[in-house]
Structure formats: structure tokens, C-alpha cells
Amino acid sequence: MTGHVVLRAGTYSIRVARRPLVASLALVAAALALAFTALCFGASWSRPGEVLAALAGHGDSVVVVRDWRLPRVAAALVFGAALGLAGAIFQNLTRNALGSPDIIGLDAGSYTGALFAITVLSGTSAQLSVSSVAGGLAAAAAVYFLSLRSGLSGMRLIVIGIAMNAMLTALNSWIVLRAELEVAMAATGWSAGSLNGVDWAELVLPFLVIGALTLLLVTLSSGMRQAALGDDLAVASGVRLNLLRLLLVLAGVGCTATVTAVAGPIVFIALAAPQIGRLLAGTAGVALMPAALTGAVLLPAADLVAQAVFAPISLPVGVVTTVIGGGYLIWLLVRRAGRT
């Protein structure tokens, strides 16, 4: 048995590694299974036949399945993939498994921008999106310039990012405490990261943005692979490193901020998904597709747990990802300490 598979379409053929292909197909199957289970799950269990009929526009459960459950399931899949992509981008840039948006302060910066839109502006969807992206970019710029001495791949960036995250978290708490009671209550609930109550009207623009950023990453993937082999080799092969890194940072912040603008900061998916995807696919570095697919499995799974634990009361999904991600972070730190 060879380690590669040749895929043919007409006169074209492509040779792909067997293990990443099998892992990707398994992750797609797992994501679809979780999505269908989530469509069946709710205040009352819907039989699979009822769900299929509702998706086709028939039966008594059309409104429940298509208008209430399906937007939440679609958001979990797409947002999980977006967070996986964001984590893969920054772990590639920093060449460090801790180089995740929620560790180095980018999630907190996006949340600061969103809080500004909620407390100072009128808090419309467009204002939340723009403010979240601006806050994430400001945090990324601050971390980058403070770590210029060691470059993007240095441990200095991770430490500075952790400090930036702590300062922004304190700032966010101060903003909430100074806000009016109704605004503070809404902001506090939203800060946990939740998919409760999302509908199609809230998802159209974020899905378009994430789709556009994904297409951008597809065009940048070749340069990313070259850069992963080393700066000198990448430059020698014609990669414009500064432009590549700028576009990758913009794409990573865009993915993180888009999710934050709709669902609040959902932590640890971006940290865990790239590394789990890398282990499953057996790739040498952090690849985008396994990371995205793993994120599209982790977030729906966490959301199902959030709905089931205290049913019929639904927890914010960020509570579940924090509990799971905290354990993963401890394991990752212990594993890294054992190598030193």
C-alpha cells in the first residue's frame, strides 16, 4: 500500500497523501453526523425522518428545523472552521502551538472593539463587525511591534501576547462595569461566546466574509508552505514574505473578528483545532484544511454538549470550550515542558 492516492478528473490528475485525505474525509463525515444530530436535538427530539422532511420543506417541523435549528448548526460549522483557520494561520506565523488568537490577545482585542460598538455606538451588525476587526487589528499591531526584536516566530511574541490578552481583558471588564446596567448585562452574557438565538439575518454577511477570506487563504496556501520551510528558502523561491505575512494576519484577524462580532469570543477552538488536525492528518506542519475541518467538528460538538448538559436550559458554547480548552492547554504545556 502506497502513501499516496492519485485522483483523476478527465485529463487532469493530482497526487495526494493518503493519510491527510482519509483524515479529511473522516472529519467531514463527523461534522455532518454532528450537524444532523444537532438538527434532531432541541426542546423535543425530532426523528431523523421528520428532520429530512422538514429540510425538504414538508411536515410540521419546518419552522423548528429550518428557521431555528439550522442557522445555529450552520453557524457552528462555519464559525468552527473559521476559528480553525485563524489558529492555523497564527500557529504557522509564530511557529508555535501556543500562537493562537485567543492566547495572544486578538480575541480580546476583537471583543474590545465590539464593546466599543455596543457601549458607545448603536451596536448594529455592521458596527459590530467593523469594530471587532479594528480591535483585533489594533491588538495584532501592538503585539507585533512590541515583539519586533525577536520576530514573529519568537517566544517573545507569545509572552507579549499573553500580557496583551490580560490587559485587554482587564480593559473589557472596566468597560462593562462603567456601562449602563442593561448594556452591561447584555455584554456580559455575550462575552461568554454563544450561538443561542442566531438566525439567518445575522449570518449572511459573516458567511460571505468568511467565504472570501477562505478563498484568499487558498491563494496564499502555496506561499505558506514555502514560508514554513524557512524564510531564506521562501525568499529564494520568490515568496514576498512581508506581503504574505500581512495578508495572513488580515485573514486571521478577519476570521476571528467575524466570529466574535456574531457569537462573542469563543475561546480555545483556534488553539486546539490546528494541532488536533495536524495529529490526525500526520502532516509535518499545521495545514489549513485539517485545522478548518477539525474546528468544524469541535464547535458543533461543544454546542451539542452545551445544549444537553442542563437541558432544556442551553449554556453558552464558550463555557464548554473553555472547560475543554483549559484541559487541552494544561496538557499542551506539560507536553512542551517534558521536551525541555
Protein backbone atom coordinates (compact mmCIF):
# COMPACT_ATOMS: atom_id res chain seq x y z
CA MET A 1 0.00 0.00 0.00
CA THR A 2 1.45 3.35 -1.06
CA GLY A 3 1.26 6.50 0.98
CA HIS A 4 -0.38 8.47 -1.83
CA VAL A 5 -3.59 8.38 -3.84
CA VAL A 6 -3.97 9.64 -7.41
CA LEU A 7 -7.26 11.48 -8.01
CA ARG A 8 -8.31 11.85 -11.64
CA ALA A 9 -10.91 14.11 -13.28
CA GLY A 10 -10.90 13.80 -17.06
CA THR A 11 -7.42 14.52 -18.33
CA TYR A 12 -6.30 16.03 -15.02
CA SER A 13 -4.84 14.12 -12.09
CA ILE A 14 -3.49 15.07 -8.69
CA ARG A 15 -1.38 13.02 -6.28
CA VAL A 16 -2.34 13.46 -2.63
CA ALA A 17 -1.08 11.84 0.55
CA ARG A 18 -3.33 9.02 1.74
CA ARG A 19 -3.45 9.82 5.48
CA PRO A 20 -4.45 13.52 5.17
CA LEU A 21 -7.11 12.53 2.63
CA VAL A 22 -8.55 9.82 4.89
CA ALA A 23 -8.42 12.14 7.91
CA SER A 24 -10.18 14.93 6.00
CA LEU A 25 -12.93 12.59 4.80
CA ALA A 26 -13.39 11.26 8.34
CA LEU A 27 -13.63 14.80 9.73
CA VAL A 28 -16.21 15.75 7.07
CA ALA A 29 -18.26 12.68 7.98
CA ALA A 30 -18.01 13.51 11.71
CA ALA A 31 -19.06 17.14 11.10
CA LEU A 32 -22.08 16.05 9.02
CA ALA A 33 -23.09 13.48 11.65
CA LEU A 34 -22.88 16.08 14.42
CA ALA A 35 -24.82 18.58 12.31
CA PHE A 36 -27.63 16.10 11.67
CA THR A 37 -27.73 15.13 15.36
CA ALA A 38 -27.99 18.81 16.28
CA LEU A 39 -30.89 19.24 13.86
CA CYS A 40 -32.70 16.41 15.66
CA PHE A 41 -31.90 17.76 19.13
CA GLY A 42 -33.86 20.52 20.81
CA ALA A 43 -36.56 21.07 23.40
CA SER A 44 -38.03 17.87 21.98
CA TRP A 45 -36.27 15.18 19.95
CA SER A 46 -37.19 15.09 16.27
CA ARG A 47 -36.96 11.79 14.45
CA PRO A 48 -34.46 11.69 11.56
CA GLY A 49 -37.30 11.20 9.08
CA GLU A 50 -39.03 14.36 10.38
CA VAL A 51 -35.79 16.34 10.03
CA LEU A 52 -35.23 15.18 6.45
CA ALA A 53 -38.83 16.04 5.58
CA ALA A 54 -38.51 19.46 7.20
CA LEU A 55 -35.31 20.18 5.28
CA ALA A 56 -37.24 19.37 2.10
CA GLY A 57 -39.99 21.79 3.18
CA HIS A 58 -42.57 19.24 4.30
CA GLY A 59 -44.16 18.32 7.62
CA ASP A 60 -44.95 20.15 10.84
CA SER A 61 -41.33 20.77 11.88
CA VAL A 62 -40.26 23.06 9.04
CA VAL A 63 -40.10 26.20 11.17
CA VAL A 64 -38.36 24.45 14.07
CA VAL A 65 -35.75 22.72 11.92
CA ARG A 66 -35.09 25.20 9.11
CA ASP A 67 -35.62 28.52 10.90
CA TRP A 68 -34.50 27.74 14.46
CA ARG A 69 -32.06 24.84 14.47
CA LEU A 70 -30.45 25.02 11.03
CA PRO A 71 -28.98 28.56 11.46
CA ARG A 72 -27.37 27.50 14.73
CA VAL A 73 -25.94 24.33 13.18
CA ALA A 74 -24.66 26.22 10.13
CA ALA A 75 -23.08 28.86 12.38
CA ALA A 76 -21.33 26.18 14.45
CA LEU A 77 -19.89 24.53 11.34
CA VAL A 78 -18.76 27.72 9.59
CA PHE A 79 -17.54 29.53 12.70
CA GLY A 80 -15.68 26.43 13.89
CA ALA A 81 -13.93 26.19 10.52
CA ALA A 82 -13.10 29.93 10.62
CA LEU A 83 -11.58 29.64 14.10
CA GLY A 84 -9.59 26.59 12.99
CA LEU A 85 -8.24 28.58 10.03
CA ALA A 86 -7.35 31.54 12.26
CA GLY A 87 -5.49 29.27 14.67
CA ALA A 88 -3.60 27.58 11.83
CA ILE A 89 -2.57 30.96 10.40
CA PHE A 90 -1.08 32.28 13.62
CA GLN A 91 0.50 28.98 14.63
CA ASN A 92 2.20 28.93 11.24
CA LEU A 93 3.30 32.55 11.55
CA THR A 94 4.65 32.14 15.08
CA ARG A 95 5.81 28.53 14.54
CA ASN A 96 4.46 27.84 18.00
CA ALA A 97 1.49 25.72 19.13
CA LEU A 98 0.56 28.50 21.59
CA GLY A 99 0.34 31.09 18.82
CA SER A 100 -3.45 31.21 18.82
CA PRO A 101 -5.67 34.32 18.58
CA ASP A 102 -7.25 33.62 21.97
CA ILE A 103 -3.84 33.26 23.65
CA ILE A 104 -2.02 36.26 22.15
CA GLY A 105 -4.82 38.76 22.73
CA LEU A 106 -6.50 39.02 19.33
CA ASP A 107 -9.83 37.64 20.59
CA ALA A 108 -9.72 40.09 23.49
CA GLY A 109 -8.94 42.94 21.07
CA SER A 110 -11.88 41.99 18.86
CA TYR A 111 -14.10 41.91 21.94
CA THR A 112 -12.85 45.36 22.97
CA GLY A 113 -13.85 46.69 19.57
CA ALA A 114 -17.25 45.05 19.84
CA LEU A 115 -17.76 46.52 23.32
CA PHE A 116 -16.99 49.95 21.90
CA ALA A 117 -19.70 49.43 19.29
CA ILE A 118 -22.19 48.28 21.94
CA THR A 119 -21.50 50.92 24.60
CA VAL A 120 -20.58 53.99 22.52
CA LEU A 121 -22.25 53.41 19.16
CA SER A 122 -25.68 51.96 18.47
CA GLY A 123 -24.40 48.39 18.20
CA THR A 124 -25.66 47.49 14.74
CA SER A 125 -24.35 44.40 12.96
CA ALA A 126 -22.17 46.50 10.65
CA GLN A 127 -20.73 48.49 13.56
CA LEU A 128 -20.02 45.30 15.49
CA SER A 129 -18.23 43.77 12.51
CA VAL A 130 -16.11 46.82 11.72
CA SER A 131 -15.28 47.50 15.38
CA SER A 132 -14.36 43.86 16.03
CA VAL A 133 -11.98 43.79 13.06
CA ALA A 134 -10.47 47.14 14.07
CA GLY A 135 -9.95 45.96 17.65
CA GLY A 136 -8.36 42.70 16.51
CA LEU A 137 -6.05 44.50 14.09
CA ALA A 138 -5.04 47.01 16.77
CA ALA A 139 -4.17 44.18 19.17
CA ALA A 140 -2.24 42.35 16.43
CA ALA A 141 -0.31 45.51 15.54
CA ALA A 142 0.56 46.17 19.20
CA VAL A 143 1.79 42.60 19.75
CA TYR A 144 3.78 42.66 16.50
CA PHE A 145 5.56 45.96 17.14
CA LEU A 146 6.36 45.06 20.74
CA SER A 147 7.96 41.79 19.59
CA LEU A 148 9.86 43.12 16.58
CA ARG A 149 13.21 42.39 18.21
CA SER A 150 12.69 38.61 18.04
CA GLY A 151 10.43 38.42 15.00
CA LEU A 152 7.12 36.66 14.55
CA SER A 153 8.43 33.21 15.39
CA GLY A 154 9.99 34.08 18.74
CA MET A 155 8.66 33.03 22.15
CA ARG A 156 8.79 36.74 22.99
CA LEU A 157 5.69 37.28 20.82
CA ILE A 158 3.75 34.64 22.76
CA VAL A 159 4.68 36.15 26.12
CA ILE A 160 3.82 39.68 24.94
CA GLY A 161 0.56 38.34 23.51
CA ILE A 162 -0.38 36.75 26.83
CA ALA A 163 0.34 40.05 28.59
CA MET A 164 -1.70 41.94 25.97
CA ASN A 165 -4.57 39.49 26.48
CA ALA A 166 -4.51 40.11 30.24
CA MET A 167 -4.50 43.90 29.83
CA LEU A 168 -7.32 43.87 27.27
CA THR A 169 -9.37 41.52 29.45
CA ALA A 170 -9.00 43.98 32.32
CA LEU A 171 -9.98 46.85 29.99
CA ASN A 172 -13.03 44.94 28.82
CA SER A 173 -14.10 44.33 32.42
CA TRP A 174 -13.74 48.04 33.16
CA ILE A 175 -15.84 48.97 30.11
CA VAL A 176 -18.61 46.59 31.20
CA LEU A 177 -18.54 47.92 34.78
CA ARG A 178 -18.85 51.51 33.53
CA ALA A 179 -21.69 50.74 31.13
CA GLU A 180 -25.39 51.11 31.87
CA LEU A 181 -26.98 48.13 33.58
CA GLU A 182 -28.91 46.82 30.57
CA VAL A 183 -25.89 47.18 28.27
CA ALA A 184 -23.58 45.60 30.85
CA MET A 185 -25.87 42.60 31.28
CA ALA A 186 -26.10 42.07 27.53
CA ALA A 187 -22.34 42.46 27.07
CA THR A 188 -21.54 40.07 29.93
CA GLY A 189 -23.83 37.37 28.57
CA TRP A 190 -22.47 37.85 25.08
CA SER A 191 -18.85 37.69 26.30
CA ALA A 192 -19.24 34.01 27.17
CA GLY A 193 -19.50 33.15 23.48
CA SER A 194 -22.90 31.81 22.48
CA LEU A 195 -24.80 30.55 19.44
CA ASN A 196 -28.15 30.85 21.19
CA GLY A 197 -30.74 32.65 19.11
CA VAL A 198 -28.71 33.19 15.93
CA ASP A 199 -30.83 33.50 12.79
CA TRP A 200 -30.23 33.70 9.06
CA ALA A 201 -30.37 37.51 9.00
CA GLU A 202 -27.32 37.67 11.29
CA LEU A 203 -25.36 35.06 9.34
CA VAL A 204 -25.48 36.16 5.70
CA LEU A 205 -22.75 38.82 5.92
CA PRO A 206 -20.42 36.80 8.22
CA PHE A 207 -20.69 33.76 5.95
CA LEU A 208 -19.81 35.90 2.91
CA VAL A 209 -16.82 37.42 4.72
CA ILE A 210 -15.54 34.03 5.89
CA GLY A 211 -16.02 32.62 2.39
CA ALA A 212 -14.00 35.46 0.88
CA LEU A 213 -11.23 35.04 3.47
CA THR A 214 -11.15 31.30 2.78
CA LEU A 215 -10.65 31.95 -0.93
CA LEU A 216 -7.84 34.36 -0.05
CA LEU A 217 -6.18 31.69 2.07
CA VAL A 218 -6.43 29.18 -0.78
CA THR A 219 -4.42 31.57 -2.95
CA LEU A 220 -1.87 32.08 -0.14
CA SER A 221 -1.51 28.41 0.82
CA SER A 222 1.40 27.76 -1.53
CA GLY A 223 3.36 30.70 -0.09
CA MET A 224 2.54 29.48 3.43
CA ARG A 225 4.02 26.07 2.70
CA GLN A 226 7.18 27.70 1.32
CA ALA A 227 7.47 30.01 4.33
CA ALA A 228 7.11 27.04 6.70
CA LEU A 229 10.35 25.64 5.27
CA GLY A 230 12.27 28.76 6.30
CA ASP A 231 12.49 32.43 5.38
CA ASP A 232 15.60 32.09 3.21
CA LEU A 233 14.14 29.27 1.13
CA ALA A 234 10.83 31.10 0.77
CA VAL A 235 12.53 34.28 -0.45
CA ALA A 236 14.70 32.26 -2.84
CA SER A 237 11.58 30.66 -4.32
CA GLY A 238 10.03 34.07 -4.99
CA VAL A 239 7.74 34.47 -1.99
CA ARG A 240 7.24 38.08 -0.86
CA LEU A 241 7.33 37.37 2.86
CA ASN A 242 6.25 40.76 4.17
CA LEU A 243 3.21 40.91 1.91
CA LEU A 244 2.36 37.27 2.66
CA ARG A 245 2.51 37.84 6.40
CA LEU A 246 0.42 41.00 6.18
CA LEU A 247 -2.29 39.23 4.19
CA LEU A 248 -2.23 36.25 6.54
CA VAL A 249 -2.59 38.48 9.60
CA LEU A 250 -5.50 40.30 7.96
CA ALA A 251 -7.17 36.99 7.09
CA GLY A 252 -6.62 35.54 10.57
CA VAL A 253 -7.92 38.64 12.35
CA GLY A 254 -10.84 38.79 9.91
CA CYS A 255 -11.86 35.22 10.72
CA THR A 256 -11.58 35.76 14.47
CA ALA A 257 -13.31 39.14 14.48
CA THR A 258 -16.17 37.96 12.26
CA VAL A 259 -16.98 35.15 14.66
CA THR A 260 -16.64 37.46 17.67
CA ALA A 261 -18.99 40.04 16.14
CA VAL A 262 -21.81 37.49 15.92
CA ALA A 263 -21.24 34.96 18.70
CA GLY A 264 -18.86 36.68 21.09
CA PRO A 265 -15.37 35.38 21.89
CA ILE A 266 -15.41 31.57 21.61
CA VAL A 267 -12.08 30.52 23.05
CA PHE A 268 -9.73 27.56 22.59
CA ILE A 269 -11.16 26.25 19.29
CA ALA A 270 -8.47 28.19 17.43
CA LEU A 271 -5.85 26.85 19.86
CA ALA A 272 -6.79 23.17 19.74
CA ALA A 273 -8.12 22.58 16.21
CA PRO A 274 -4.84 23.10 14.27
CA GLN A 275 -2.84 20.75 16.49
CA ILE A 276 -5.51 18.06 16.60
CA GLY A 277 -5.87 18.33 12.83
CA ARG A 278 -2.11 18.02 12.40
CA LEU A 279 -2.00 14.88 14.56
CA LEU A 280 -4.91 13.29 12.69
CA ALA A 281 -3.59 14.14 9.22
CA GLY A 282 0.02 13.30 10.10
CA THR A 283 1.36 16.42 8.40
CA ALA A 284 4.76 17.87 9.22
CA GLY A 285 3.36 21.35 9.80
CA VAL A 286 -0.02 22.91 10.54
CA ALA A 287 -2.14 22.54 7.41
CA LEU A 288 -5.19 24.71 6.77
CA MET A 289 -7.72 22.09 5.68
CA PRO A 290 -7.33 19.67 8.63
CA ALA A 291 -7.43 22.65 11.01
CA ALA A 292 -10.63 24.02 9.45
CA LEU A 293 -12.34 20.62 9.39
CA THR A 294 -11.32 19.90 12.98
CA GLY A 295 -12.76 23.26 14.04
CA ALA A 296 -15.97 22.37 12.17
CA VAL A 297 -16.16 19.22 14.33
CA LEU A 298 -15.14 20.70 17.70
CA LEU A 299 -17.54 23.65 17.78
CA PRO A 300 -20.73 21.70 16.85
CA ALA A 301 -19.73 19.00 19.35
CA ALA A 302 -19.21 21.61 22.08
CA ASP A 303 -22.52 23.27 21.20
CA LEU A 304 -24.35 19.94 21.47
CA VAL A 305 -22.82 19.42 24.91
CA ALA A 306 -23.83 22.98 25.88
CA GLN A 307 -27.44 22.23 24.92
CA ALA A 308 -27.58 18.80 26.55
CA VAL A 309 -25.89 19.28 29.94
CA PHE A 310 -28.64 21.32 31.60
CA ALA A 311 -31.42 20.77 29.05
CA PRO A 312 -33.80 22.45 28.41
CA ILE A 313 -31.55 25.34 29.52
CA SER A 314 -28.82 25.92 26.95
CA LEU A 315 -25.38 27.00 28.16
CA PRO A 316 -23.23 29.39 26.12
CA VAL A 317 -20.95 27.26 23.98
CA GLY A 318 -17.96 29.31 25.17
CA VAL A 319 -18.39 27.83 28.66
CA VAL A 320 -17.91 24.32 27.27
CA THR A 321 -14.98 25.26 25.03
CA THR A 322 -13.30 26.98 27.99
CA VAL A 323 -13.57 23.86 30.16
CA ILE A 324 -12.34 21.55 27.39
CA GLY A 325 -9.73 24.01 26.15
CA GLY A 326 -8.35 24.61 29.62
CA GLY A 327 -7.61 20.91 29.97
CA TYR A 328 -6.06 20.86 26.49
CA LEU A 329 -3.87 23.87 27.32
CA ILE A 330 -2.61 22.20 30.50
CA TRP A 331 -1.79 19.04 28.52
CA LEU A 332 -0.01 21.08 25.85
CA LEU A 333 2.10 22.97 28.39
CA VAL A 334 3.02 19.76 30.24
CA ARG A 335 3.94 18.11 26.95
CA ARG A 336 6.15 21.05 25.94
CA ALA A 337 7.77 21.15 29.37
CA GLY A 338 8.59 17.45 29.08
CA ARG A 339 10.56 18.12 25.89
CA THR A 340 12.81 20.74 27.51
